[in-house]
Amino acid sequence: IFFMSVSEVGTMALKDEEVDRQMQQMAAFILKEARDKAKEITIKADDDFQRELAKNVQEQRQKYLQEHEKRKKNWETKKRIAYSHELNQSPHQDLGGSRRCIEGCN
């Protein structure tokens, strides 16, 4: 049987308390490091999200402006065609009126 003196038991109790304290410190350190890393990851993810969102908004804005420009050009083309048809029809109408006048005058 193993017997220890009172001083040895007291020293062993101090060692156990010291071990517990060190383990608590290590656990607290590991937990702090994990929280810090989680915070870094969250910040990076938020930054990446904001960057991607800004990129998508810019792309959609560019698509909208291109579509707007395309529609504007189509509208201008249709307007020019309509104006051209109007100009082309105008002399024919005048000629028709002139013919009626000539035919009516005879």
C-alpha atoms as a PDB file:
ATOM      1  CA  ILE A   1       0.000   0.000   0.000  1.00  0.00           C
ATOM      2  CA  PHE A   2       1.136   3.420  -0.892  1.00  0.00           C
ATOM      3  CA  PHE A   3       1.132   6.048   1.838  1.00  0.00           C
ATOM      4  CA  MET A   4       1.733   9.743   1.411  1.00  0.00           C
ATOM      5  CA  SER A   5       2.599  12.297   3.969  1.00  0.00           C
ATOM      6  CA  VAL A   6       0.359  15.284   4.640  1.00  0.00           C
ATOM      7  CA  SER A   7       2.777  17.615   2.877  1.00  0.00           C
ATOM      8  CA  GLU A   8       2.797  15.372  -0.182  1.00  0.00           C
ATOM      9  CA  VAL A   9      -1.032  15.348  -0.286  1.00  0.00           C
ATOM     10  CA  GLY A  10      -1.051  19.142  -0.043  1.00  0.00           C
ATOM     11  CA  THR A  11       1.497  19.439  -2.837  1.00  0.00           C
ATOM     12  CA  MET A  12      -0.525  17.056  -5.003  1.00  0.00           C
ATOM     13  CA  ALA A  13      -3.683  19.122  -4.402  1.00  0.00           C
ATOM     14  CA  LEU A  14      -1.815  22.240  -5.506  1.00  0.00           C
ATOM     15  CA  LYS A  15      -0.623  20.438  -8.621  1.00  0.00           C
ATOM     16  CA  ASP A  16      -4.183  19.355  -9.420  1.00  0.00           C
ATOM     17  CA  GLU A  17      -5.426  22.912  -8.945  1.00  0.00           C
ATOM     18  CA  GLU A  18      -2.595  24.208 -11.132  1.00  0.00           C
ATOM     19  CA  VAL A  19      -3.410  21.658 -13.826  1.00  0.00           C
ATOM     20  CA  ASP A  20      -7.100  22.627 -13.708  1.00  0.00           C
ATOM     21  CA  ARG A  21      -6.207  26.316 -13.937  1.00  0.00           C
ATOM     22  CA  GLN A  22      -3.902  25.741 -16.897  1.00  0.00           C
ATOM     23  CA  MET A  23      -6.530  23.636 -18.645  1.00  0.00           C
ATOM     24  CA  GLN A  24      -9.101  26.387 -18.138  1.00  0.00           C
ATOM     25  CA  GLN A  25      -6.639  28.934 -19.520  1.00  0.00           C
ATOM     26  CA  MET A  26      -5.945  26.733 -22.542  1.00  0.00           C
ATOM     27  CA  ALA A  27      -9.651  26.157 -23.128  1.00  0.00           C
ATOM     28  CA  ALA A  28     -10.312  29.910 -22.848  1.00  0.00           C
ATOM     29  CA  PHE A  29      -7.449  30.615 -25.287  1.00  0.00           C
ATOM     30  CA  ILE A  30      -8.728  28.045 -27.795  1.00  0.00           C
ATOM     31  CA  LEU A  31     -12.270  29.429 -27.505  1.00  0.00           C
ATOM     32  CA  LYS A  32     -10.998  33.000 -28.026  1.00  0.00           C
ATOM     33  CA  GLU A  33      -9.003  31.922 -31.084  1.00  0.00           C
ATOM     34  CA  ALA A  34     -12.050  30.124 -32.508  1.00  0.00           C
ATOM     35  CA  ARG A  35     -14.232  33.216 -31.982  1.00  0.00           C
ATOM     36  CA  ASP A  36     -11.601  35.449 -33.594  1.00  0.00           C
ATOM     37  CA  LYS A  37     -11.332  33.114 -36.587  1.00  0.00           C
ATOM     38  CA  ALA A  38     -15.121  32.936 -36.908  1.00  0.00           C
ATOM     39  CA  LYS A  39     -15.235  36.746 -36.853  1.00  0.00           C
ATOM     40  CA  GLU A  40     -12.561  36.940 -39.584  1.00  0.00           C
ATOM     41  CA  ILE A  41     -14.475  34.452 -41.722  1.00  0.00           C
ATOM     42  CA  THR A  42     -17.722  36.383 -41.247  1.00  0.00           C
ATOM     43  CA  ILE A  43     -16.076  39.687 -42.166  1.00  0.00           C
ATOM     44  CA  LYS A  44     -14.471  38.159 -45.265  1.00  0.00           C
ATOM     45  CA  ALA A  45     -17.763  36.549 -46.296  1.00  0.00           C
ATOM     46  CA  ASP A  46     -19.581  39.876 -45.860  1.00  0.00           C
ATOM     47  CA  ASP A  47     -16.919  41.675 -47.912  1.00  0.00           C
ATOM     48  CA  ASP A  48     -17.107  39.030 -50.642  1.00  0.00           C
ATOM     49  CA  PHE A  49     -20.905  39.268 -50.661  1.00  0.00           C
ATOM     50  CA  GLN A  50     -20.854  43.072 -50.933  1.00  0.00           C
ATOM     51  CA  ARG A  51     -18.254  42.913 -53.715  1.00  0.00           C
ATOM     52  CA  GLU A  52     -20.300  40.315 -55.639  1.00  0.00           C
ATOM     53  CA  LEU A  53     -23.501  42.286 -55.086  1.00  0.00           C
ATOM     54  CA  ALA A  54     -21.897  45.476 -56.413  1.00  0.00           C
ATOM     55  CA  LYS A  55     -20.596  43.555 -59.429  1.00  0.00           C
ATOM     56  CA  ASN A  56     -24.053  42.101 -60.146  1.00  0.00           C
ATOM     57  CA  VAL A  57     -25.715  45.498 -59.760  1.00  0.00           C
ATOM     58  CA  GLN A  58     -23.194  47.033 -62.166  1.00  0.00           C
ATOM     59  CA  GLU A  59     -23.749  44.223 -64.693  1.00  0.00           C
ATOM     60  CA  GLN A  60     -27.522  44.590 -64.495  1.00  0.00           C
ATOM     61  CA  ARG A  61     -27.224  48.374 -64.814  1.00  0.00           C
ATOM     62  CA  GLN A  62     -25.046  47.949 -67.898  1.00  0.00           C
ATOM     63  CA  LYS A  63     -27.557  45.495 -69.425  1.00  0.00           C
ATOM     64  CA  TYR A  64     -30.389  47.929 -68.724  1.00  0.00           C
ATOM     65  CA  LEU A  65     -28.500  50.823 -70.340  1.00  0.00           C
ATOM     66  CA  GLN A  66     -27.681  48.687 -73.386  1.00  0.00           C
ATOM     67  CA  GLU A  67     -31.310  47.594 -73.726  1.00  0.00           C
ATOM     68  CA  HIS A  68     -32.453  51.201 -73.320  1.00  0.00           C
ATOM     69  CA  GLU A  69     -30.008  52.349 -76.000  1.00  0.00           C
ATOM     70  CA  LYS A  70     -31.158  49.565 -78.335  1.00  0.00           C
ATOM     71  CA  ARG A  71     -34.818  50.515 -77.879  1.00  0.00           C
ATOM     72  CA  LYS A  72     -33.998  54.185 -78.371  1.00  0.00           C
ATOM     73  CA  LYS A  73     -32.221  53.415 -81.656  1.00  0.00           C
ATOM     74  CA  ASN A  74     -35.131  51.241 -82.811  1.00  0.00           C
ATOM     75  CA  TRP A  75     -37.580  54.020 -81.975  1.00  0.00           C
ATOM     76  CA  GLU A  76     -35.454  56.597 -83.820  1.00  0.00           C
ATOM     77  CA  THR A  77     -35.228  54.283 -86.848  1.00  0.00           C
ATOM     78  CA  LYS A  78     -38.996  53.770 -86.901  1.00  0.00           C
ATOM     79  CA  LYS A  79     -39.493  57.513 -86.566  1.00  0.00           C
ATOM     80  CA  ARG A  80     -37.154  58.174 -89.528  1.00  0.00           C
ATOM     81  CA  ILE A  81     -38.880  55.505 -91.627  1.00  0.00           C
ATOM     82  CA  ALA A  82     -42.287  56.994 -90.849  1.00  0.00           C
ATOM     83  CA  TYR A  83     -41.016  60.467 -91.706  1.00  0.00           C
ATOM     84  CA  SER A  84     -39.482  59.167 -94.926  1.00  0.00           C
ATOM     85  CA  HIS A  85     -42.780  57.496 -95.888  1.00  0.00           C
ATOM     86  CA  GLU A  86     -44.559  60.733 -95.124  1.00  0.00           C
ATOM     87  CA  LEU A  87     -42.170  62.683 -97.355  1.00  0.00           C
ATOM     88  CA  ASN A  88     -42.479  60.082-100.123  1.00  0.00           C
ATOM     89  CA  GLN A  89     -46.274  60.175 -99.983  1.00  0.00           C
ATOM     90  CA  SER A  90     -46.463  63.957 -99.985  1.00  0.00           C
ATOM     91  CA  PRO A  91     -45.313  64.546-103.607  1.00  0.00           C
ATOM     92  CA  HIS A  92     -47.636  61.803-104.879  1.00  0.00           C
ATOM     93  CA  GLN A  93     -50.575  63.416-103.176  1.00  0.00           C
ATOM     94  CA  ASP A  94     -49.649  66.784-104.678  1.00  0.00           C
ATOM     95  CA  LEU A  95     -49.323  65.194-108.111  1.00  0.00           C
ATOM     96  CA  GLY A  96     -52.704  63.582-107.751  1.00  0.00           C
ATOM     97  CA  GLY A  97     -54.224  66.927-106.862  1.00  0.00           C
ATOM     98  CA  SER A  98     -52.464  68.592-109.764  1.00  0.00           C
ATOM     99  CA  ARG A  99     -53.714  65.914-112.164  1.00  0.00           C
ATOM    100  CA  ARG A 100     -57.278  66.389-110.974  1.00  0.00           C
ATOM    101  CA  CYS A 101     -56.925  70.094-111.464  1.00  0.00           C
ATOM    102  CA  ILE A 102     -55.489  69.636-114.976  1.00  0.00           C
ATOM    103  CA  GLU A 103     -58.102  67.061-115.887  1.00  0.00           C
ATOM    104  CA  GLY A 104     -60.858  69.168-114.389  1.00  0.00           C
ATOM    105  CA  CYS A 105     -59.687  72.308-116.099  1.00  0.00           C
ATOM    106  CA  ASN A 106     -59.876  70.745-119.592  1.00  0.00           C
END
